[in-house]
């Protein structure tokens, strides 16, 4: 209420040129308590206190505006009904003061909430929703492996790819090749890198990994030491609808880059894979499994390049994933759409994902790595948690509707790190997967 009180007193001061108004400041301040109560009631009526201010959105902006307008209307009507009664002069502020209080209150309430939201988003980790501690790794070995080297990152404009680029630069890479076919994504990561790492030679390359001639020219000119292959189509429904293109990009593209790496003496090749490659039922999962097999076949042929793959669960908050979708639906007032109440997924943060990639890159095994990710998270439970975190009540304030499993989806993904399926490494929570047939 400090914002409303400040707006009210400042309006009086502005109206009387910062001199003492008739009746004195004490009487004016006393009625300011009533003004605050009226605004408090209006804000509560419009539900402005049901949400954390850090989750404030344009919808709540309109609610604050409506609440302030109602409060101004009540105060204006009160002023009109009191007429010219001298006894209640302090309760009869000029209409101009009521109007200015309205504008200053709205500006203060909305501005404060948007500022808090910006601060909250900047420091919001999201790990509490995953119900496990975040996994961290010692990067000393990684730094020794990457420092002073030329590193090629495919899919450099994506959520994982862009984080890989940042961390590789921070670990001392001499030259980072940013391969990305989406112009806007490439522009954004290139601009961000020039600002954050002006001393690192980052080269933006708008290329399609399936273009054999273009990739051959790139490898011939650059001869990268390390390849971190993040380029892929990841959305199961989209790849189900476009299977040929999904296969071309995820399998043929991977094979093209891998063969270029082998021909030009690349030391290490790391494929970003997925938990959907375990007993796959979708085209996307099958394509990633086939890409893994292609790399393991090159290893079996005693290639001079060391190939490995890293399997992830879902990356928490990545572009196009369920978390930003839920947040968008919550901000719009719902409904939040969940495919099935029994649906569960493994989640990890982008920092965990990239740390695993870089740890795998610095190791020597020609294998498929898996991170122990704890228990899978129920998607319904995640949706309910995000709604509560936004300050709403699931089902009452924000409805949840079930849309049914989409083609290619499974209720449960599989990441088995038991002895029957994986070997433990000397690094905590990193396992080597036993190859499936």
Protein backbone atom coordinates (compact mmCIF):
# COMPACT_ATOMS: atom_id res chain seq x y z
CA UNK A 1 0.00 0.00 0.00
CA UNK A 2 3.04 2.26 0.15
CA UNK A 3 2.64 2.88 -3.59
CA UNK A 4 -0.97 4.05 -3.19
CA UNK A 5 -0.17 6.19 -0.13
CA UNK A 6 2.75 7.76 -1.92
CA UNK A 7 0.66 8.43 -5.03
CA UNK A 8 -2.08 10.07 -2.92
CA UNK A 9 0.26 12.36 -0.96
CA UNK A 10 2.29 13.24 -4.05
CA UNK A 11 -0.92 14.16 -5.90
CA UNK A 12 -1.90 16.55 -3.08
CA UNK A 13 1.57 18.08 -3.04
CA UNK A 14 1.48 18.54 -6.80
CA UNK A 15 -2.03 20.03 -6.69
CA UNK A 16 -1.02 22.67 -4.10
CA UNK A 17 2.44 23.36 -5.55
CA UNK A 18 4.08 21.49 -2.68
CA UNK A 19 2.63 23.90 -0.14
CA UNK A 20 0.50 22.92 2.85
CA UNK A 21 -3.09 22.23 1.74
CA UNK A 22 -6.12 23.54 3.51
CA UNK A 23 -6.81 21.45 6.61
CA UNK A 24 -3.14 20.58 7.06
CA UNK A 25 -1.09 17.55 6.15
CA UNK A 26 -2.15 15.61 9.24
CA UNK A 27 -5.81 15.57 8.22
CA UNK A 28 -4.90 14.77 4.63
CA UNK A 29 -2.67 11.91 5.76
CA UNK A 30 -5.43 10.56 8.01
CA UNK A 31 -7.82 10.29 5.06
CA UNK A 32 -4.98 8.69 3.09
CA UNK A 33 -5.54 5.64 5.29
CA UNK A 34 -9.09 5.43 3.95
CA UNK A 35 -7.79 5.84 0.39
CA UNK A 36 -5.42 2.91 0.95
CA UNK A 37 -8.21 0.73 2.33
CA UNK A 38 -10.41 1.49 -0.70
CA UNK A 39 -7.57 0.56 -3.07
CA UNK A 40 -6.78 -2.58 -1.05
CA UNK A 41 -10.40 -3.71 -1.31
CA UNK A 42 -10.50 -3.00 -5.05
CA UNK A 43 -7.20 -4.80 -5.73
CA UNK A 44 -8.39 -7.80 -3.71
CA UNK A 45 -11.73 -7.81 -5.52
CA UNK A 46 -9.99 -8.03 -8.90
CA UNK A 47 -7.63 -10.79 -7.71
CA UNK A 48 -4.44 -8.75 -7.88
CA UNK A 49 -3.02 -10.40 -4.74
CA UNK A 50 -3.53 -14.00 -5.83
CA UNK A 51 -0.26 -14.07 -7.77
CA UNK A 52 3.39 -13.64 -6.96
CA UNK A 53 4.49 -10.29 -8.33
CA UNK A 54 7.39 -11.96 -10.16
CA UNK A 55 4.82 -13.81 -12.31
CA UNK A 56 2.99 -10.57 -13.18
CA UNK A 57 1.72 -10.39 -16.78
CA UNK A 58 -0.30 -8.11 -19.04
CA UNK A 59 -3.48 -9.78 -17.82
CA UNK A 60 -2.70 -8.69 -14.25
CA UNK A 61 -1.78 -5.25 -15.58
CA UNK A 62 -5.35 -4.88 -16.80
CA UNK A 63 -6.65 -6.07 -13.44
CA UNK A 64 -4.60 -3.44 -11.59
CA UNK A 65 -5.91 -0.80 -13.98
CA UNK A 66 -9.52 -1.88 -13.37
CA UNK A 67 -8.99 -1.97 -9.59
CA UNK A 68 -7.48 1.52 -9.53
CA UNK A 69 -10.33 2.81 -11.70
CA UNK A 70 -12.91 1.33 -9.30
CA UNK A 71 -11.13 2.89 -6.31
CA UNK A 72 -11.05 6.27 -8.05
CA UNK A 73 -14.77 5.96 -8.83
CA UNK A 74 -15.60 5.17 -5.18
CA UNK A 75 -13.52 8.10 -3.94
CA UNK A 76 -15.03 10.41 -6.55
CA UNK A 77 -18.59 9.43 -5.59
CA UNK A 78 -17.70 9.93 -1.91
CA UNK A 79 -16.44 13.42 -2.72
CA UNK A 80 -19.66 14.19 -4.59
CA UNK A 81 -21.96 12.92 -1.81
CA UNK A 82 -20.20 14.91 0.89
CA UNK A 83 -20.85 18.10 -1.04
CA UNK A 84 -19.53 21.22 0.67
CA UNK A 85 -19.65 19.96 4.28
CA UNK A 86 -16.78 21.76 5.98
CA UNK A 87 -16.58 19.12 8.71
CA UNK A 88 -15.32 16.58 6.20
CA UNK A 89 -13.04 18.82 4.18
CA UNK A 90 -10.11 16.41 4.40
CA UNK A 91 -12.39 13.69 2.97
CA UNK A 92 -13.24 15.88 0.00
CA UNK A 93 -10.01 16.03 -1.99
CA UNK A 94 -10.22 17.88 -5.30
CA UNK A 95 -11.25 15.73 -8.23
CA UNK A 96 -7.87 16.48 -9.79
CA UNK A 97 -6.17 14.84 -6.79
CA UNK A 98 -8.33 11.72 -7.18
CA UNK A 99 -7.51 11.59 -10.90
CA UNK A 100 -3.78 12.05 -10.34
CA UNK A 101 -3.83 9.40 -7.59
CA UNK A 102 -5.36 7.00 -10.11
CA UNK A 103 -2.62 7.57 -12.69
CA UNK A 104 0.26 7.51 -10.20
CA UNK A 105 -1.10 4.40 -8.47
CA UNK A 106 -1.42 2.50 -11.74
CA UNK A 107 2.07 3.54 -12.83
CA UNK A 108 3.56 2.55 -9.48
CA UNK A 109 1.74 -0.76 -9.09
CA UNK A 110 2.38 -1.93 -12.64
CA UNK A 111 5.96 -0.67 -12.74
CA UNK A 112 6.85 -2.31 -9.42
CA UNK A 113 5.36 -5.63 -10.47
CA UNK A 114 7.08 -5.72 -13.83
CA UNK A 115 10.39 -4.86 -12.14
CA UNK A 116 9.90 -7.68 -9.64
CA UNK A 117 8.98 -10.06 -12.45
CA UNK A 118 12.14 -9.19 -14.37
CA UNK A 119 14.26 -9.75 -11.28
CA UNK A 120 12.46 -12.98 -10.41
CA UNK A 121 12.83 -14.41 -13.93
CA UNK A 122 16.53 -13.60 -13.95
CA UNK A 123 17.19 -15.67 -10.81
CA UNK A 124 14.54 -18.38 -11.10
CA UNK A 125 16.28 -21.76 -11.28
CA UNK A 126 13.24 -24.04 -11.46
CA UNK A 127 15.05 -26.90 -9.70
CA UNK A 128 12.46 -27.06 -6.91
CA UNK A 129 9.96 -28.39 -9.46
CA UNK A 130 12.35 -31.23 -10.40
CA UNK A 131 12.50 -32.41 -6.77
CA UNK A 132 16.23 -33.18 -6.86
CA UNK A 133 19.48 -31.24 -6.44
CA UNK A 134 21.19 -29.93 -9.55
CA UNK A 135 24.19 -31.98 -10.69
CA UNK A 136 27.46 -30.11 -11.06
CA UNK A 137 30.81 -31.24 -12.46
CA UNK A 138 34.47 -30.31 -12.14
CA UNK A 139 35.46 -28.62 -15.39
CA UNK A 140 39.24 -28.76 -14.92
CA UNK A 141 39.66 -31.72 -17.29
CA UNK A 142 37.26 -30.17 -19.77
CA UNK A 143 39.18 -26.90 -19.76
CA UNK A 144 42.42 -28.72 -20.42
CA UNK A 145 40.83 -30.56 -23.34
CA UNK A 146 39.17 -27.52 -24.97
CA UNK A 147 41.50 -24.59 -24.24
CA UNK A 148 43.21 -23.26 -27.36
CA UNK A 149 41.28 -25.57 -29.70
CA UNK A 150 38.91 -25.09 -32.63
CA UNK A 151 35.43 -26.33 -31.70
CA UNK A 152 32.51 -26.80 -34.09
CA UNK A 153 28.97 -26.65 -32.68
CA UNK A 154 26.04 -27.64 -34.89
CA UNK A 155 22.58 -26.38 -34.00
CA UNK A 156 24.40 -23.48 -32.36
CA UNK A 157 21.29 -21.30 -32.17
CA UNK A 158 19.15 -23.76 -30.19
CA UNK A 159 18.69 -23.93 -26.43
CA UNK A 160 21.38 -26.55 -25.89
CA UNK A 161 23.59 -25.46 -28.77
CA UNK A 162 23.76 -21.83 -27.65
CA UNK A 163 24.61 -22.86 -24.07
CA UNK A 164 27.34 -25.16 -25.41
CA UNK A 165 28.78 -22.25 -27.37
CA UNK A 166 28.85 -20.04 -24.27
CA UNK A 167 30.46 -22.64 -22.05
CA UNK A 168 33.03 -23.66 -24.66
CA UNK A 169 34.05 -20.03 -25.06
CA UNK A 170 34.27 -19.61 -21.28
CA UNK A 171 36.54 -22.68 -21.09
CA UNK A 172 39.10 -21.08 -23.38
CA UNK A 173 38.38 -22.36 -26.89
CA UNK A 174 40.48 -20.50 -29.43
CA UNK A 175 37.92 -20.60 -32.25
CA UNK A 176 34.24 -21.57 -32.15
CA UNK A 177 32.40 -22.41 -35.37
CA UNK A 178 28.66 -21.75 -35.06
CA UNK A 179 26.80 -23.94 -37.57
CA UNK A 180 23.09 -23.09 -37.76
CA UNK A 181 20.65 -22.91 -40.66
CA UNK A 182 18.07 -20.69 -38.93
CA UNK A 183 19.14 -17.13 -39.72
CA UNK A 184 17.51 -15.46 -36.73
CA UNK A 185 18.85 -18.01 -34.23
CA UNK A 186 22.34 -17.67 -35.70
CA UNK A 187 22.14 -13.88 -35.55
CA UNK A 188 21.09 -13.95 -31.90
CA UNK A 189 23.84 -16.27 -30.69
CA UNK A 190 26.48 -14.47 -32.75
CA UNK A 191 25.44 -11.10 -31.30
CA UNK A 192 25.39 -12.52 -27.77
CA UNK A 193 28.86 -14.03 -28.16
CA UNK A 194 30.40 -10.86 -29.54
CA UNK A 195 29.10 -9.01 -26.49
CA UNK A 196 29.95 -11.61 -23.83
CA UNK A 197 33.20 -13.01 -25.29
CA UNK A 198 34.81 -10.35 -27.51
CA UNK A 199 38.18 -12.09 -27.24
CA UNK A 200 36.95 -15.42 -28.63
CA UNK A 201 36.94 -15.93 -32.39
CA UNK A 202 33.33 -17.01 -33.03
CA UNK A 203 32.44 -17.65 -36.68
CA UNK A 204 28.71 -17.70 -37.62
CA UNK A 205 28.07 -20.18 -40.45
CA UNK A 206 24.62 -20.43 -42.01
CA UNK A 207 24.84 -24.02 -43.20
CA UNK A 208 22.66 -27.11 -43.55
CA UNK A 209 24.37 -30.17 -42.06
CA UNK A 210 22.84 -32.28 -44.84
CA UNK A 211 24.69 -30.27 -47.50
CA UNK A 212 27.64 -32.60 -48.10
CA UNK A 213 29.56 -30.22 -50.34
CA UNK A 214 29.26 -27.28 -47.93
CA UNK A 215 30.26 -29.39 -44.93
CA UNK A 216 33.24 -30.83 -46.80
CA UNK A 217 34.48 -27.32 -47.63
CA UNK A 218 34.06 -26.26 -44.01
CA UNK A 219 36.06 -29.20 -42.65
CA UNK A 220 38.73 -28.81 -45.29
CA UNK A 221 39.23 -25.17 -44.30
CA UNK A 222 38.86 -25.40 -40.51
CA UNK A 223 39.79 -28.97 -39.47
CA UNK A 224 38.01 -28.71 -36.09
CA UNK A 225 39.47 -30.54 -33.11
CA UNK A 226 36.10 -31.18 -31.43
CA UNK A 227 32.54 -31.43 -32.76
CA UNK A 228 29.50 -30.99 -30.53
CA UNK A 229 26.56 -32.07 -32.68
CA UNK A 230 23.33 -30.53 -31.34
CA UNK A 231 21.52 -30.00 -34.66
CA UNK A 232 18.34 -32.10 -34.81
CA UNK A 233 14.58 -32.03 -35.11
CA UNK A 234 13.30 -32.74 -31.60
CA UNK A 235 9.50 -32.30 -31.61
CA UNK A 236 7.89 -35.74 -31.74
CA UNK A 237 4.56 -34.65 -33.35
CA UNK A 238 6.32 -32.58 -36.03
CA UNK A 239 8.66 -35.41 -36.99
CA UNK A 240 5.72 -37.83 -37.03
CA UNK A 241 4.03 -35.55 -39.57
CA UNK A 242 7.25 -35.06 -41.57
CA UNK A 243 9.12 -38.37 -41.20
CA UNK A 244 11.27 -38.15 -44.33
CA UNK A 245 12.63 -34.72 -43.43
CA UNK A 246 13.11 -35.76 -39.81
CA UNK A 247 15.11 -38.80 -40.88
CA UNK A 248 17.14 -36.81 -43.39
CA UNK A 249 18.17 -34.24 -40.80
CA UNK A 250 18.63 -36.46 -37.76
CA UNK A 251 20.23 -39.48 -39.43
CA UNK A 252 21.66 -38.42 -42.79
CA UNK A 253 22.84 -35.08 -41.39
CA UNK A 254 24.59 -36.78 -38.48
CA UNK A 255 26.25 -39.26 -40.82
CA UNK A 256 27.41 -36.44 -43.13
CA UNK A 257 29.06 -34.50 -40.30
CA UNK A 258 30.55 -37.67 -38.79
CA UNK A 259 32.14 -38.78 -42.07
CA UNK A 260 33.59 -35.30 -42.60
CA UNK A 261 35.03 -35.46 -39.09
CA UNK A 262 36.61 -38.84 -39.82
CA UNK A 263 38.14 -37.71 -43.12
CA UNK A 264 39.65 -34.54 -41.69
CA UNK A 265 41.12 -35.83 -38.46
CA UNK A 266 38.70 -34.53 -35.84
CA UNK A 267 39.72 -35.87 -32.41
CA UNK A 268 36.30 -36.20 -30.76
CA UNK A 269 32.68 -36.15 -31.97
CA UNK A 270 29.80 -35.86 -29.45
CA UNK A 271 26.20 -36.47 -30.53
CA UNK A 272 23.38 -34.95 -28.49
CA UNK A 273 20.89 -37.80 -28.22
CA UNK A 274 17.72 -38.33 -26.19
CA UNK A 275 15.95 -40.70 -23.81
CA UNK A 276 13.47 -41.22 -26.65
CA UNK A 277 16.16 -43.33 -28.38
CA UNK A 278 15.63 -46.05 -25.75
CA UNK A 279 13.14 -48.61 -27.13
CA UNK A 280 11.85 -45.95 -29.54
CA UNK A 281 8.28 -45.86 -30.81
CA UNK A 282 8.34 -42.46 -32.54
CA UNK A 283 10.07 -41.50 -35.79
CA UNK A 284 12.07 -38.94 -33.85
CA UNK A 285 13.25 -41.53 -31.30
CA UNK A 286 14.05 -44.06 -34.02
CA UNK A 287 16.02 -41.46 -35.97
CA UNK A 288 18.17 -40.61 -32.94
CA UNK A 289 18.71 -44.32 -32.24
CA UNK A 290 19.82 -44.82 -35.83
CA UNK A 291 22.20 -41.86 -35.52
CA UNK A 292 23.73 -43.48 -32.42
CA UNK A 293 24.16 -46.76 -34.31
CA UNK A 294 25.86 -44.97 -37.19
CA UNK A 295 28.45 -43.51 -34.83
CA UNK A 296 29.03 -46.79 -33.01
CA UNK A 297 29.55 -48.48 -36.41
CA UNK A 298 32.31 -45.97 -37.17
CA UNK A 299 33.88 -46.75 -33.80
CA UNK A 300 33.72 -50.47 -34.58
CA UNK A 301 35.56 -49.80 -37.85
CA UNK A 302 38.47 -48.38 -35.80
CA UNK A 303 37.96 -44.82 -36.99
CA UNK A 304 40.67 -42.32 -36.13
CA UNK A 305 37.94 -40.08 -34.70
CA UNK A 306 36.46 -41.00 -31.33
CA UNK A 307 32.65 -40.95 -31.50
CA UNK A 308 30.25 -40.86 -28.56
CA UNK A 309 26.64 -39.90 -27.81
CA UNK A 310 24.98 -38.36 -24.76
CA UNK A 311 21.38 -39.17 -23.87
CA UNK A 312 19.26 -36.48 -22.25
CA UNK A 313 15.86 -36.24 -20.75
CA UNK A 314 13.80 -33.13 -21.44
CA UNK A 315 15.66 -29.86 -20.95
CA UNK A 316 13.75 -27.77 -18.43
CA UNK A 317 12.47 -24.56 -20.05
CA UNK A 318 13.97 -25.16 -23.51
CA UNK A 319 12.31 -23.45 -26.46
CA UNK A 320 9.17 -25.25 -27.61
CA UNK A 321 9.09 -27.55 -24.58
CA UNK A 322 6.27 -28.14 -22.12
CA UNK A 323 7.42 -25.64 -19.45
CA UNK A 324 7.25 -22.45 -21.57
CA UNK A 325 4.01 -23.78 -23.08
CA UNK A 326 2.46 -24.15 -19.62
CA UNK A 327 3.68 -20.70 -18.59
CA UNK A 328 2.18 -19.18 -21.72
CA UNK A 329 -1.14 -20.89 -21.05
CA UNK A 330 -1.14 -19.78 -17.40
CA UNK A 331 -0.39 -16.18 -18.37
CA UNK A 332 -3.38 -16.29 -20.74
CA UNK A 333 -5.66 -17.49 -17.94
CA UNK A 334 -5.73 -21.14 -19.04
CA UNK A 335 -6.60 -23.78 -19.75
CA UNK A 336 -3.36 -25.69 -19.26
CA UNK A 337 -3.28 -28.71 -21.58
CA UNK A 338 -1.84 -32.04 -20.38
CA UNK A 339 -1.89 -35.04 -22.69
CA UNK A 340 -2.48 -37.68 -20.01
CA UNK A 341 -2.60 -37.54 -16.18
CA UNK A 342 -0.16 -40.49 -15.99
CA UNK A 343 2.44 -38.93 -18.33
CA UNK A 344 5.95 -38.74 -16.84
CA UNK A 345 9.23 -37.38 -18.16
CA UNK A 346 12.85 -37.02 -17.06
CA UNK A 347 14.01 -33.42 -16.80
CA UNK A 348 17.36 -31.70 -16.51
CA UNK A 349 18.48 -28.09 -16.66
CA UNK A 350 20.33 -26.80 -19.69
CA UNK A 351 23.39 -26.29 -17.47
CA UNK A 352 23.32 -29.98 -16.50
CA UNK A 353 22.84 -31.01 -20.12
CA UNK A 354 25.79 -28.98 -21.36
CA UNK A 355 27.99 -30.08 -18.45
CA UNK A 356 27.31 -33.70 -19.41
CA UNK A 357 28.14 -32.98 -23.04
CA UNK A 358 31.45 -31.37 -22.15
CA UNK A 359 32.37 -34.08 -19.64
CA UNK A 360 31.68 -36.68 -22.31
CA UNK A 361 33.77 -34.72 -24.78
CA UNK A 362 36.81 -34.78 -22.48
CA UNK A 363 36.60 -38.54 -21.84
CA UNK A 364 38.04 -41.30 -24.02
CA UNK A 365 35.29 -43.94 -24.17
CA UNK A 366 33.70 -44.54 -27.55
CA UNK A 367 30.25 -45.05 -26.09
CA UNK A 368 26.79 -43.76 -25.28
CA UNK A 369 26.63 -41.83 -22.02
CA UNK A 370 23.58 -41.44 -19.78
CA UNK A 371 23.14 -39.13 -16.79
CA UNK A 372 21.45 -40.46 -13.67
CA UNK A 373 18.49 -38.08 -13.44
CA UNK A 374 16.60 -39.32 -10.41
CA UNK A 375 12.92 -40.08 -10.64
CA UNK A 376 10.79 -38.97 -13.61
CA UNK A 377 8.51 -36.00 -13.02
CA UNK A 378 4.76 -36.29 -13.57
CA UNK A 379 3.67 -33.79 -16.22
CA UNK A 380 0.38 -33.18 -14.39
CA UNK A 381 2.27 -32.53 -11.16
CA UNK A 382 4.59 -30.16 -13.04
CA UNK A 383 1.61 -28.26 -14.46
CA UNK A 384 0.03 -27.97 -11.01
CA UNK A 385 3.33 -26.77 -9.55
CA UNK A 386 3.75 -24.09 -12.20
CA UNK A 387 0.19 -22.88 -11.62
CA UNK A 388 0.78 -22.63 -7.86
CA UNK A 389 4.12 -20.94 -8.43
CA UNK A 390 2.29 -18.34 -10.48
CA UNK A 391 0.02 -17.66 -7.50
CA UNK A 392 -3.07 -19.44 -8.83
CA UNK A 393 -5.01 -22.47 -7.66
CA UNK A 394 -5.04 -25.45 -10.05
CA UNK A 395 -8.51 -26.31 -11.39
CA UNK A 396 -10.15 -23.36 -9.57
CA UNK A 397 -8.32 -20.35 -10.99
CA UNK A 398 -6.64 -22.11 -13.94
CA UNK A 399 -8.36 -25.16 -15.46
CA UNK A 400 -6.36 -28.20 -16.59
CA UNK A 401 -7.68 -30.21 -19.53
CA UNK A 402 -6.47 -33.59 -20.82
CA UNK A 403 -6.00 -33.81 -24.58
CA UNK A 404 -4.85 -37.41 -25.06
CA UNK A 405 -1.51 -38.91 -26.05
CA UNK A 406 -0.24 -37.73 -29.43
CA UNK A 407 1.11 -40.02 -32.16
CA UNK A 408 4.61 -41.27 -31.31
CA UNK A 409 4.43 -40.43 -27.60
CA UNK A 410 4.94 -42.82 -24.68
CA UNK A 411 3.54 -42.45 -21.18
CA UNK A 412 6.98 -43.13 -19.70
CA UNK A 413 10.43 -42.55 -21.19
CA UNK A 414 13.21 -44.96 -20.22
CA UNK A 415 16.64 -44.06 -18.84
CA UNK A 416 17.89 -47.20 -17.13
CA UNK A 417 21.24 -46.89 -15.34
CA UNK A 418 20.98 -50.20 -13.47
CA UNK A 419 23.74 -52.81 -13.77
CA UNK A 420 21.81 -54.74 -16.42
CA UNK A 421 21.72 -51.71 -18.73
CA UNK A 422 24.75 -49.54 -17.96
CA UNK A 423 28.30 -49.44 -16.61
CA UNK A 424 29.25 -46.98 -13.89
CA UNK A 425 32.11 -44.62 -14.76
CA UNK A 426 34.59 -43.02 -12.36
CA UNK A 427 32.45 -39.87 -12.49
CA UNK A 428 29.39 -39.58 -10.27
CA UNK A 429 26.05 -39.89 -12.05
CA UNK A 430 27.58 -40.58 -15.49
CA UNK A 431 27.06 -44.06 -16.93
CA UNK A 432 28.03 -45.87 -20.12
CA UNK A 433 25.03 -47.50 -21.76
CA UNK A 434 25.22 -51.11 -22.85
CA UNK A 435 24.36 -51.19 -26.54
CA UNK A 436 20.87 -52.41 -27.34
CA UNK A 437 20.15 -54.44 -30.44
